[in-house]
Protein backbone atom coordinates (compact mmCIF):
# COMPACT_ATOMS: atom_id res chain seq x y z
CA MET A 1 -17.51 125.79 -154.44
CA GLY A 2 -18.95 127.56 -151.37
CA GLY A 3 -22.35 129.06 -151.09
CA VAL A 4 -23.80 131.92 -152.99
CA VAL A 5 -21.74 135.04 -152.70
CA THR A 6 -23.20 138.22 -151.28
CA LEU A 7 -21.87 141.50 -152.66
CA ASP A 8 -22.42 145.13 -151.51
CA PHE A 9 -23.72 146.86 -154.66
CA THR A 10 -23.98 150.25 -152.82
CA LYS A 11 -20.43 150.93 -152.13
CA TYR A 12 -20.04 153.30 -155.04
CA PRO A 13 -22.44 155.11 -157.38
CA ILE A 14 -23.30 153.20 -160.57
CA PRO A 15 -22.80 155.29 -163.82
CA THR A 16 -25.60 154.61 -166.34
CA GLN A 17 -25.63 157.72 -168.57
CA ALA A 18 -23.71 158.58 -171.81
CA PHE A 19 -20.79 161.03 -171.24
CA ILE A 20 -20.91 163.46 -174.22
CA GLY A 21 -19.51 166.98 -174.41
CA GLY A 22 -17.92 166.84 -170.96
CA LYS A 23 -20.93 165.79 -168.99
CA TYR A 24 -23.23 162.90 -168.27
CA VAL A 25 -26.37 163.03 -170.35
CA ASP A 26 -29.51 160.97 -170.89
CA CYS A 27 -29.69 159.01 -174.05
CA GLY A 28 -32.55 159.69 -176.57
CA ASP A 29 -33.84 156.15 -176.24
CA THR A 30 -35.79 156.10 -173.18
CA GLU A 31 -35.62 152.22 -172.69
CA LYS A 32 -33.58 151.29 -169.74
CA HIS A 33 -31.40 148.11 -169.58
CA GLU A 34 -30.54 145.74 -166.80
CA LEU A 35 -27.06 144.52 -165.82
CA ARG A 36 -26.70 141.39 -163.50
CA SER A 37 -23.72 140.32 -161.55
CA SER A 38 -22.03 137.34 -163.02
CA VAL A 39 -21.07 136.52 -159.45
CA ASN A 40 -24.51 135.71 -157.98
CA ASP A 41 -26.99 136.94 -160.82
CA GLU A 42 -28.23 139.72 -158.67
CA VAL A 43 -29.34 142.79 -160.47
CA LEU A 44 -26.63 145.58 -160.20
CA THR A 45 -28.70 148.28 -162.07
CA SER A 46 -31.77 148.44 -164.15
CA GLU A 47 -31.08 151.96 -165.52
CA LEU A 48 -28.30 151.48 -167.95
CA GLN A 49 -28.98 153.75 -171.03
CA TRP A 50 -27.99 152.63 -174.53
CA ALA A 51 -27.05 155.34 -177.03
CA SER A 52 -29.02 155.56 -180.41
CA SER A 53 -27.92 156.75 -183.65
CA GLU A 54 -29.10 160.30 -182.69
CA ASP A 55 -26.89 160.20 -179.60
CA VAL A 56 -23.97 159.37 -181.88
CA ASP A 57 -24.69 162.52 -184.04
CA THR A 58 -24.73 164.51 -180.81
CA ALA A 59 -21.36 163.07 -179.78
CA VAL A 60 -19.90 163.88 -183.26
CA VAL A 61 -20.94 167.48 -182.85
CA ALA A 62 -19.38 167.61 -179.37
CA ALA A 63 -16.19 165.82 -180.72
CA GLU A 64 -15.98 168.51 -183.45
CA SER A 65 -15.84 171.37 -180.76
CA GLY A 66 -13.40 169.27 -178.57
CA LEU A 67 -11.10 168.65 -181.60
CA ALA A 68 -10.92 172.39 -182.35
CA ALA A 69 -9.96 173.15 -178.61
CA TRP A 70 -7.45 170.60 -178.39
CA GLY A 71 -5.77 171.85 -181.53
CA LYS A 72 -4.88 175.03 -179.65
CA VAL A 73 -3.39 173.28 -176.74
CA SER A 74 0.45 173.04 -176.90
CA ASN A 75 2.21 169.66 -176.64
CA ASN A 76 3.53 170.49 -173.29
CA GLU A 77 0.07 171.22 -171.98
CA LYS A 78 -1.26 168.04 -173.62
CA ARG A 79 1.32 165.98 -171.90
CA ASP A 80 0.46 167.57 -168.46
CA ILE A 81 -3.30 166.95 -169.03
CA MET A 82 -2.68 163.25 -169.92
CA VAL A 83 -0.33 162.72 -166.95
CA LYS A 84 -2.87 164.45 -164.56
CA PHE A 85 -5.56 162.00 -166.01
CA ALA A 86 -3.36 159.12 -165.40
CA ASN A 87 -2.94 160.13 -161.71
CA LEU A 88 -6.59 160.53 -161.34
CA VAL A 89 -7.08 156.89 -162.65
CA ARG A 90 -4.64 155.81 -159.99
CA GLU A 91 -6.24 157.62 -157.19
CA ASN A 92 -9.67 156.08 -158.16
CA ALA A 93 -8.30 152.48 -158.74
CA ALA A 94 -10.44 151.11 -155.89
CA GLN A 95 -13.84 152.20 -157.35
CA LEU A 96 -12.71 151.04 -160.88
CA ALA A 97 -11.71 147.57 -159.70
CA TRP A 98 -14.84 147.42 -157.63
CA LEU A 99 -17.08 148.16 -160.54
CA GLU A 100 -15.55 145.27 -162.55
CA ALA A 101 -15.56 142.90 -159.58
CA VAL A 102 -19.30 143.30 -158.75
CA LEU A 103 -20.45 143.27 -162.34
CA VAL A 104 -18.28 140.52 -164.02
CA GLY A 105 -16.55 138.99 -161.09
CA LYS A 106 -13.05 140.18 -162.23
CA ASP A 107 -10.40 139.52 -159.44
CA PRO A 108 -9.10 142.95 -158.45
CA ARG A 109 -5.58 141.75 -158.74
CA ILE A 110 -6.31 140.94 -162.50
CA GLY A 111 -8.28 144.16 -162.84
CA SER A 112 -5.48 146.18 -161.37
CA PHE A 113 -3.36 145.17 -164.41
CA GLY A 114 -5.87 147.06 -166.65
CA ILE A 115 -6.16 150.10 -164.49
CA ASN A 116 -2.38 150.32 -164.24
CA GLU A 117 -2.05 150.17 -167.86
CA VAL A 118 -4.45 153.05 -168.27
CA THR A 119 -2.14 155.15 -166.19
CA GLU A 120 0.99 153.93 -168.06
CA LEU A 121 -0.50 154.31 -171.54
CA PHE A 122 -1.59 157.87 -170.99
CA ILE A 123 1.80 158.87 -169.41
CA TYR A 124 3.66 157.00 -172.12
CA TYR A 125 1.71 158.76 -175.16
CA GLY A 126 1.85 162.04 -173.22
CA ASN A 127 5.61 161.96 -173.23
CA ILE A 128 6.10 160.97 -176.91
CA ILE A 129 3.79 163.47 -178.32
CA HIS A 130 7.06 165.41 -179.17
CA GLN A 131 8.23 162.37 -181.29
CA PHE A 132 5.12 162.68 -183.44
CA HIS A 133 6.45 164.32 -186.48
CA GLY A 134 7.17 163.45 -190.07
CA GLN A 135 10.49 163.74 -191.89
CA VAL A 136 12.41 166.32 -194.11
CA GLN A 137 14.15 165.23 -197.35
CA THR A 138 17.41 166.35 -198.58
CA PRO A 139 17.02 169.58 -200.56
CA HIS A 140 16.99 169.08 -204.23
CA GLU A 141 19.41 170.87 -206.60
CA ASP A 142 16.84 173.17 -208.14
CA GLY A 143 16.13 174.37 -204.52
CA THR A 144 12.88 172.69 -203.87
CA LEU A 145 12.43 170.96 -200.51
CA GLU A 146 10.34 167.95 -199.80
CA PHE A 147 8.93 166.95 -196.33
CA VAL A 148 6.30 164.76 -194.90
CA ILE A 149 4.03 165.60 -191.95
CA ARG A 150 1.55 163.52 -189.88
CA GLN A 151 -1.79 165.05 -189.05
CA PRO A 152 -4.85 163.68 -187.23
CA PHE A 153 -7.91 162.32 -188.97
CA GLY A 154 -10.29 164.61 -186.94
CA VAL A 155 -13.29 162.83 -185.23
CA VAL A 156 -12.53 159.17 -184.70
CA ALA A 157 -14.22 156.24 -182.90
CA GLY A 158 -13.43 153.27 -180.96
CA ILE A 159 -15.48 150.16 -180.00
CA THR A 160 -14.09 148.24 -177.09
CA PRO A 161 -14.79 144.72 -175.64
CA PHE A 162 -16.30 143.24 -172.58
CA ASN A 163 -13.21 141.48 -171.24
CA GLU A 164 -10.79 144.43 -170.65
CA PRO A 165 -12.76 147.50 -171.18
CA LEU A 166 -10.30 149.88 -169.33
CA LEU A 167 -7.11 148.59 -171.05
CA ALA A 168 -9.02 148.75 -174.46
CA PHE A 169 -10.14 152.29 -173.71
CA ALA A 170 -6.56 153.36 -173.04
CA MET A 171 -4.91 151.62 -175.99
CA LYS A 172 -7.43 153.64 -178.30
CA ALA A 173 -7.96 156.76 -176.46
CA ALA A 174 -4.63 157.69 -175.43
CA PRO A 175 -2.83 157.36 -178.87
CA ALA A 176 -5.79 158.88 -180.56
CA ILE A 177 -5.85 162.13 -178.66
CA ALA A 178 -1.85 162.22 -178.47
CA ALA A 179 -2.15 162.25 -182.43
CA GLY A 180 -4.55 165.24 -182.30
CA ASN A 181 -7.96 163.53 -182.69
CA ALA A 182 -11.10 163.71 -180.78
CA ILE A 183 -12.66 160.38 -180.03
CA ILE A 184 -16.02 158.78 -179.35
CA LEU A 185 -15.75 155.35 -177.58
CA LYS A 186 -18.62 152.74 -177.27
CA ALA A 187 -18.03 150.60 -174.37
CA SER A 188 -19.34 147.01 -174.50
CA GLU A 189 -23.02 146.97 -173.20
CA GLN A 190 -22.02 143.73 -171.32
CA ASN A 191 -19.33 145.62 -169.12
CA PRO A 192 -19.57 149.38 -169.56
CA LEU A 193 -19.50 150.68 -165.83
CA SER A 194 -15.82 151.23 -165.34
CA THR A 195 -15.37 153.06 -168.70
CA LEU A 196 -18.35 155.21 -167.96
CA PHE A 197 -17.04 156.05 -164.64
CA ILE A 198 -13.50 156.86 -166.06
CA ALA A 199 -15.30 159.41 -168.32
CA SER A 200 -15.77 161.81 -165.32
CA LEU A 201 -12.02 161.82 -164.74
CA THR A 202 -11.51 163.31 -168.25
CA LYS A 203 -13.34 166.28 -167.29
CA GLU A 204 -11.41 166.64 -163.93
CA ALA A 205 -8.05 166.31 -165.60
CA GLY A 206 -8.74 169.17 -167.94
CA PHE A 207 -9.39 167.69 -171.38
CA PRO A 208 -11.53 170.00 -173.46
CA ASP A 209 -15.28 169.08 -173.45
CA GLY A 210 -16.00 166.85 -176.29
CA LEU A 211 -12.46 165.51 -176.74
CA ILE A 212 -13.26 162.15 -175.27
CA ASN A 213 -16.92 161.01 -175.42
CA ILE A 214 -17.94 157.66 -173.91
CA LEU A 215 -21.34 155.82 -174.59
CA THR A 216 -22.58 152.27 -174.63
CA GLY A 217 -25.22 150.48 -176.51
CA GLY A 218 -25.79 147.75 -179.06
CA VAL A 219 -25.93 147.28 -182.74
CA GLU A 220 -27.56 150.60 -183.44
CA ALA A 221 -24.83 152.60 -181.68
CA GLY A 222 -22.03 150.53 -183.34
CA ASN A 223 -23.37 150.78 -186.78
CA ALA A 224 -23.96 154.52 -186.29
CA LEU A 225 -20.29 154.92 -185.47
CA ALA A 226 -19.11 152.70 -188.40
CA THR A 227 -21.24 154.33 -191.01
CA HIS A 228 -21.00 158.13 -189.82
CA MET A 229 -19.95 160.30 -192.55
CA LYS A 230 -17.94 162.69 -190.18
CA ILE A 231 -16.04 160.06 -188.44
CA ARG A 232 -12.84 159.32 -190.48
CA MET A 233 -11.30 156.40 -188.52
CA ILE A 234 -12.63 153.50 -186.31
CA SER A 235 -10.87 151.13 -184.23
CA PHE A 236 -12.74 147.95 -183.28
CA THR A 237 -11.80 145.05 -180.80
CA GLY A 238 -13.92 142.05 -180.75
CA SER A 239 -14.91 138.97 -182.79
CA ILE A 240 -13.86 138.27 -186.44
CA GLN A 241 -17.67 138.32 -187.36
CA VAL A 242 -18.42 141.62 -186.04
CA GLY A 243 -15.05 143.11 -187.18
CA LYS A 244 -15.87 142.17 -190.81
CA LEU A 245 -19.35 144.12 -190.49
CA VAL A 246 -17.52 147.20 -189.09
CA GLN A 247 -15.12 147.03 -192.03
CA GLN A 248 -17.98 146.58 -194.59
CA ALA A 249 -19.95 149.46 -193.04
CA ALA A 250 -17.00 151.72 -193.08
CA ALA A 251 -16.32 150.98 -196.63
CA MET A 252 -19.89 151.56 -197.76
CA SER A 253 -20.04 154.86 -196.07
CA ASN A 254 -17.14 157.23 -196.28
CA LEU A 255 -14.34 154.57 -196.58
CA LYS A 256 -13.01 155.49 -193.29
CA LYS A 257 -9.82 153.80 -192.06
CA VAL A 258 -10.41 150.76 -189.91
CA THR A 259 -8.08 149.01 -187.48
CA LEU A 260 -9.18 145.68 -185.98
CA GLU A 261 -8.15 143.50 -183.23
CA LEU A 262 -10.22 140.25 -183.76
CA GLY A 263 -8.85 137.77 -181.13
CA GLY A 264 -6.76 134.83 -181.21
CA LYS A 265 -6.18 131.02 -180.74
CA SER A 266 -2.66 131.31 -179.61
CA PRO A 267 -0.30 128.36 -179.62
CA ILE A 268 2.13 127.34 -176.76
CA ILE A 269 4.88 125.23 -178.10
CA VAL A 270 6.89 123.26 -175.48
CA PHE A 271 10.08 121.55 -176.55
CA GLN A 272 11.76 118.63 -174.74
CA ASP A 273 14.66 120.83 -173.49
CA ALA A 274 12.27 123.45 -171.86
CA ASP A 275 12.12 124.17 -168.16
CA LEU A 276 8.78 122.32 -167.66
CA ASP A 277 8.13 123.82 -164.15
CA LYS A 278 8.48 127.30 -165.51
CA ALA A 279 6.61 126.51 -168.72
CA SER A 280 3.59 125.02 -166.90
CA LYS A 281 3.25 127.96 -164.53
CA MET A 282 3.59 130.35 -167.28
CA SER A 283 1.10 128.46 -169.52
CA ALA A 284 -1.42 128.61 -166.68
CA ALA A 285 -1.95 132.17 -167.73
CA PHE A 286 -4.50 130.80 -170.10
CA LEU A 287 -6.79 131.00 -166.89
CA ALA A 288 -6.26 134.77 -166.57
CA LEU A 289 -9.64 136.46 -166.95
CA ASN A 290 -10.94 133.02 -166.74
CA GLY A 291 -9.81 132.37 -170.26
CA GLN A 292 -11.50 135.51 -171.60
CA GLY A 293 -8.46 137.17 -173.14
CA CYS A 294 -7.29 137.40 -176.80
CA LEU A 295 -3.59 137.02 -176.16
CA LEU A 296 -3.85 133.89 -173.99
CA GLY A 297 -2.30 130.58 -175.00
CA THR A 298 -5.08 128.04 -175.42
CA ARG A 299 -3.56 125.49 -177.73
CA MET A 300 -0.61 123.78 -176.23
CA TYR A 301 1.69 121.46 -178.50
CA VAL A 302 4.24 119.49 -176.37
CA HIS A 303 7.08 117.42 -177.66
CA GLU A 304 6.29 113.65 -177.17
CA ASP A 305 9.30 113.18 -174.87
CA ALA A 306 8.04 116.00 -172.45
CA ALA A 307 4.33 115.28 -172.82
CA GLN A 308 3.58 113.00 -169.80
CA GLU A 309 5.26 115.28 -167.36
CA MET A 310 3.95 118.46 -168.91
CA ILE A 311 0.26 117.22 -169.04
CA ALA A 312 0.56 116.09 -165.34
CA ARG A 313 1.84 119.51 -164.29
CA MET A 314 -0.95 121.34 -166.22
CA LYS A 315 -3.57 119.01 -164.79
CA GLY A 316 -2.38 119.74 -161.19
CA ILE A 317 -2.29 123.39 -161.75
CA VAL A 318 -5.55 123.56 -163.44
CA GLU A 319 -7.33 121.56 -160.57
CA TYR A 320 -5.71 123.74 -157.91
CA MET A 321 -6.88 126.86 -159.52
CA GLY A 322 -10.42 125.53 -159.95
CA ALA A 323 -10.61 124.53 -156.34
CA GLY A 324 -11.75 128.02 -155.22
CA LEU A 325 -14.36 128.58 -158.04
CA GLY A 326 -17.35 130.57 -156.80
CA SER A 327 -15.65 132.56 -154.08
CA ASP A 328 -16.09 136.37 -153.58
CA PRO A 329 -13.98 138.11 -156.21
CA LEU A 330 -13.27 140.80 -153.65
CA ASP A 331 -11.74 138.26 -151.19
CA PRO A 332 -7.98 138.34 -151.56
CA SER A 333 -7.94 134.40 -151.26
CA THR A 334 -10.13 134.04 -154.49
CA ILE A 335 -8.09 132.21 -157.29
CA THR A 336 -10.55 131.84 -160.14
CA SER A 337 -13.42 134.07 -161.09
CA PRO A 338 -16.66 133.51 -163.05
CA LEU A 339 -17.17 134.04 -166.78
CA PHE A 340 -18.30 137.56 -167.48
CA ASN A 341 -22.03 136.73 -168.20
CA HIS A 342 -24.43 133.96 -168.91
CA ARG A 343 -24.16 134.35 -172.77
CA GLN A 344 -20.53 133.56 -172.51
CA LYS A 345 -21.04 130.77 -170.11
CA ASP A 346 -23.43 129.15 -172.70
CA VAL A 347 -21.02 129.68 -175.39
CA VAL A 348 -18.12 128.13 -173.46
CA MET A 349 -20.36 125.14 -172.29
CA LYS A 350 -21.34 124.49 -175.92
CA PHE A 351 -17.81 124.23 -176.90
CA ILE A 352 -16.90 121.84 -173.97
CA GLU A 353 -19.96 119.57 -174.80
CA GLU A 354 -18.69 119.29 -178.42
CA GLY A 355 -15.06 118.83 -177.30
CA LYS A 356 -16.12 115.81 -175.21
CA LYS A 357 -17.06 114.16 -178.58
CA GLU A 358 -13.91 115.28 -180.46
CA ALA A 359 -11.25 114.91 -177.80
CA THR A 360 -10.25 113.20 -174.37
CA LEU A 361 -11.50 115.17 -171.36
CA LEU A 362 -8.57 115.23 -168.88
CA THR A 363 -10.10 117.46 -166.22
CA GLY A 364 -12.89 119.80 -165.57
CA GLY A 365 -15.72 120.12 -168.23
CA SER A 366 -18.73 121.13 -166.14
CA ALA A 367 -20.64 124.20 -165.14
CA VAL A 368 -20.72 124.85 -161.35
CA GLY A 369 -23.35 126.11 -158.99
CA GLU A 370 -27.01 127.43 -159.49
CA LYS A 371 -26.04 130.98 -159.30
CA GLY A 372 -23.39 133.00 -161.29
CA CYS A 373 -21.54 132.11 -164.27
CA TYR A 374 -19.00 129.54 -163.12
CA VAL A 375 -17.33 126.91 -165.44
CA GLN A 376 -14.54 124.57 -164.27
CA PRO A 377 -11.09 125.06 -165.69
CA THR A 378 -10.83 122.46 -168.46
CA ILE A 379 -8.17 120.55 -170.29
CA PHE A 380 -8.73 118.38 -173.39
CA ILE A 381 -6.02 116.13 -174.79
CA ASN A 382 -5.66 114.58 -178.29
CA PRO A 383 -8.39 116.45 -180.06
CA SER A 384 -9.11 115.58 -183.71
CA LYS A 385 -7.48 117.88 -186.09
CA SER A 386 -10.86 119.44 -187.03
CA ALA A 387 -12.16 119.76 -183.41
CA LYS A 388 -13.88 123.06 -182.72
CA VAL A 389 -12.34 123.29 -179.34
CA LEU A 390 -8.95 123.18 -181.10
CA LYS A 391 -9.67 125.41 -184.08
CA GLU A 392 -11.99 128.14 -182.79
CA GLU A 393 -11.69 130.83 -180.05
CA VAL A 394 -13.55 129.46 -176.95
CA PHE A 395 -13.08 132.69 -174.85
CA GLY A 396 -13.21 130.62 -171.74
CA PRO A 397 -11.12 128.47 -169.27
CA VAL A 398 -10.33 125.65 -171.88
CA LEU A 399 -6.97 124.31 -173.01
CA THR A 400 -6.17 121.74 -175.68
CA ILE A 401 -2.90 119.64 -175.53
CA VAL A 402 -1.55 117.87 -178.52
CA THR A 403 1.76 116.17 -178.87
CA PHE A 404 4.43 116.48 -181.72
CA LYS A 405 7.47 114.59 -182.92
CA ASP A 406 9.76 117.30 -184.41
CA GLU A 407 10.08 121.00 -185.17
CA GLN A 408 8.45 120.93 -188.57
CA GLU A 409 5.35 119.15 -187.20
CA ALA A 410 5.06 121.63 -184.41
CA LEU A 411 5.28 124.71 -186.66
CA GLU A 412 2.61 123.17 -189.10
CA MET A 413 0.28 122.51 -186.29
CA ALA A 414 0.76 125.98 -184.69
CA ASN A 415 0.21 127.77 -188.02
CA ASP A 416 -2.86 125.72 -188.99
CA THR A 417 -5.35 128.40 -187.92
CA GLU A 418 -6.89 131.54 -189.25
CA TYR A 419 -5.83 133.35 -186.21
CA GLY A 420 -2.35 135.02 -185.78
CA LEU A 421 -2.31 137.23 -182.78
CA ALA A 422 0.27 135.69 -180.42
CA ALA A 423 2.42 132.71 -179.92
CA TYR A 424 4.48 131.18 -177.08
CA VAL A 425 7.71 129.12 -177.35
CA HIS A 426 9.35 127.29 -174.40
CA THR A 427 13.07 126.03 -175.23
CA LYS A 428 16.56 126.59 -174.01
CA ASP A 429 17.82 126.37 -177.64
CA LEU A 430 18.39 129.84 -178.79
CA GLY A 431 18.72 128.87 -182.59
CA ARG A 432 15.33 127.02 -182.26
CA ALA A 433 13.78 130.12 -180.64
CA LEU A 434 14.93 132.22 -183.40
CA ARG A 435 13.77 130.07 -186.08
CA PHE A 436 10.39 129.78 -184.51
CA THR A 437 10.22 133.44 -183.99
CA LYS A 438 10.77 134.03 -187.70
CA ASN A 439 8.29 131.23 -188.91
CA LEU A 440 5.44 131.44 -186.58
CA GLN A 441 2.53 133.23 -188.33
CA ALA A 442 1.51 135.69 -185.35
CA GLY A 443 2.02 139.35 -184.77
CA MET A 444 3.37 138.88 -181.27
CA ILE A 445 5.83 136.11 -179.96
CA ALA A 446 7.00 135.42 -176.45
CA VAL A 447 9.86 133.01 -175.86
CA ASN A 448 10.10 131.50 -172.20
CA SER A 449 7.61 134.13 -171.11
CA ALA A 450 3.91 134.25 -170.14
CA MET A 451 2.89 137.40 -171.85
CA ALA A 452 3.34 138.99 -175.40
CA TYR A 453 2.16 142.44 -174.28
CA ASP A 454 4.12 145.62 -173.65
CA LYS A 455 2.78 149.19 -174.05
CA THR A 456 5.97 150.17 -175.98
CA ARG A 457 5.64 147.52 -178.71
CA PRO A 458 3.18 147.20 -181.47
CA PHE A 459 0.14 145.11 -180.64
CA GLY A 460 -1.61 143.57 -183.51
CA GLY A 461 -2.28 140.28 -185.30
CA TRP A 462 -1.65 138.60 -188.48
CA LYS A 463 -4.27 136.70 -190.80
CA GLN A 464 -7.91 137.16 -189.43
CA SER A 465 -6.66 138.29 -185.96
CA GLY A 466 -6.94 141.87 -187.40
CA GLN A 467 -5.22 144.78 -188.98
CA GLY A 468 -3.37 147.82 -187.93
CA TYR A 469 -1.65 148.26 -184.58
CA GLU A 470 -2.13 149.59 -180.96
CA ASN A 471 0.68 150.59 -178.62
CA GLY A 472 3.94 151.90 -179.27
CA VAL A 473 4.95 154.52 -181.86
CA ALA A 474 3.08 152.18 -184.42
CA GLY A 475 -0.11 152.68 -182.44
CA LEU A 476 0.38 156.50 -182.46
CA GLU A 477 1.19 156.53 -186.15
CA ASP A 478 -2.08 154.41 -186.97
CA TRP A 479 -4.20 157.35 -185.50
CA SER A 480 -2.72 159.72 -188.00
CA GLN A 481 -2.53 160.36 -191.85
CA THR A 482 0.36 161.34 -193.97
CA LYS A 483 0.85 164.41 -196.01
CA SER A 484 3.68 165.01 -198.51
CA VAL A 485 4.65 168.46 -199.26
CA LEU A 486 6.84 169.89 -202.09
CA LEU A 487 8.08 173.52 -201.35
CA SER A 488 9.47 175.74 -203.98
CA ILE A 489 10.14 179.31 -203.22
């Protein structure tokens, strides 16, 4: 690792206010909050404003106004506004990437994926608004006609995570407004800047004031959204523990609809016939976002006949990627970035220290440097069946590798978890691939591929990885409610 990285924090303005009713406004709580760069611990801003429950009330009033205005806009106009917004995001990509690079150390090459998906999702949903309809049944013999229509909930809410704030913003806001709703989004207080900035582009694009409101804050703001009697749906992305609290709060208030994406502990299953060069390179994707991604494969199960070679390949890749740890995230040569904050660094290091007692450390395993939030990419092999590093979501650059003898053992180990978001299979045997696709307990499966994500396919998990869907037509439908009509004239 090199010396302490110096970053220019003055290149662009830093957004610190809430965006409500089409403008930036001061929050009712006068306390200001500090954000430090995870790259070098320097203060990026001391002026961040957290929303209070009163600010949420104000946002709901604004959203009701935006909802009424949006309802008067034709589908063609809605599409045009959504596409214009997408183009504005593309034009401002450099500033968006910079905001995440200086705050959480995100490599702009990784950040560009989230930014590009914002544009793609708004264009995608703008173009399928016309497909958002119900169905007409065959007329009955008595002359009555039945049909089903889909309508928006009204004012809805979303709570986004710290790791991919822009992608999560788009996955919630784009289908929500395409379905006809007005939305209030709470960006994570740990990484809110890019989302707060993108709010200004909604105004420039021509969305009605109040249609998209963005604020940040802690428990008070989140609880206010989950319990508000005029919010009819909420979508949360984050931990299982907090997701359950959101669902409880929603149930105890007005029984609002809840969709949840609660992380994963995704297995990678590598069979003896797999292309190990390809499988190892794809499996190194667990280091994307330095391991802070819900879809990433962090439990590897390797057939015993391929284990020696696969373990050696993974060790080599991980050590190469860790060699540039601590570099300037804005430098194109940077390979690995820091964790997003010291809180996450402490969590990851606790997992690693416990892992050293429950498994064999193959490589990595240490924090790096006096400044910033750097942790070496780490691999454990042969963990005990109950090892926390194997069973729980670490959300850091940590991979466990376990060997198996046959398909049944691999399947049982892969499914032995309360998570069920994604899974990855590497094999040349089509029959085996199809068997595993059917029997793996996960909402998204990738075979001989590095990523189980696509904007056109449902994004959602099984078991405690969540409920409901984002992306695709299923994501649009989840932001609407069904009405059955019987017509007799």
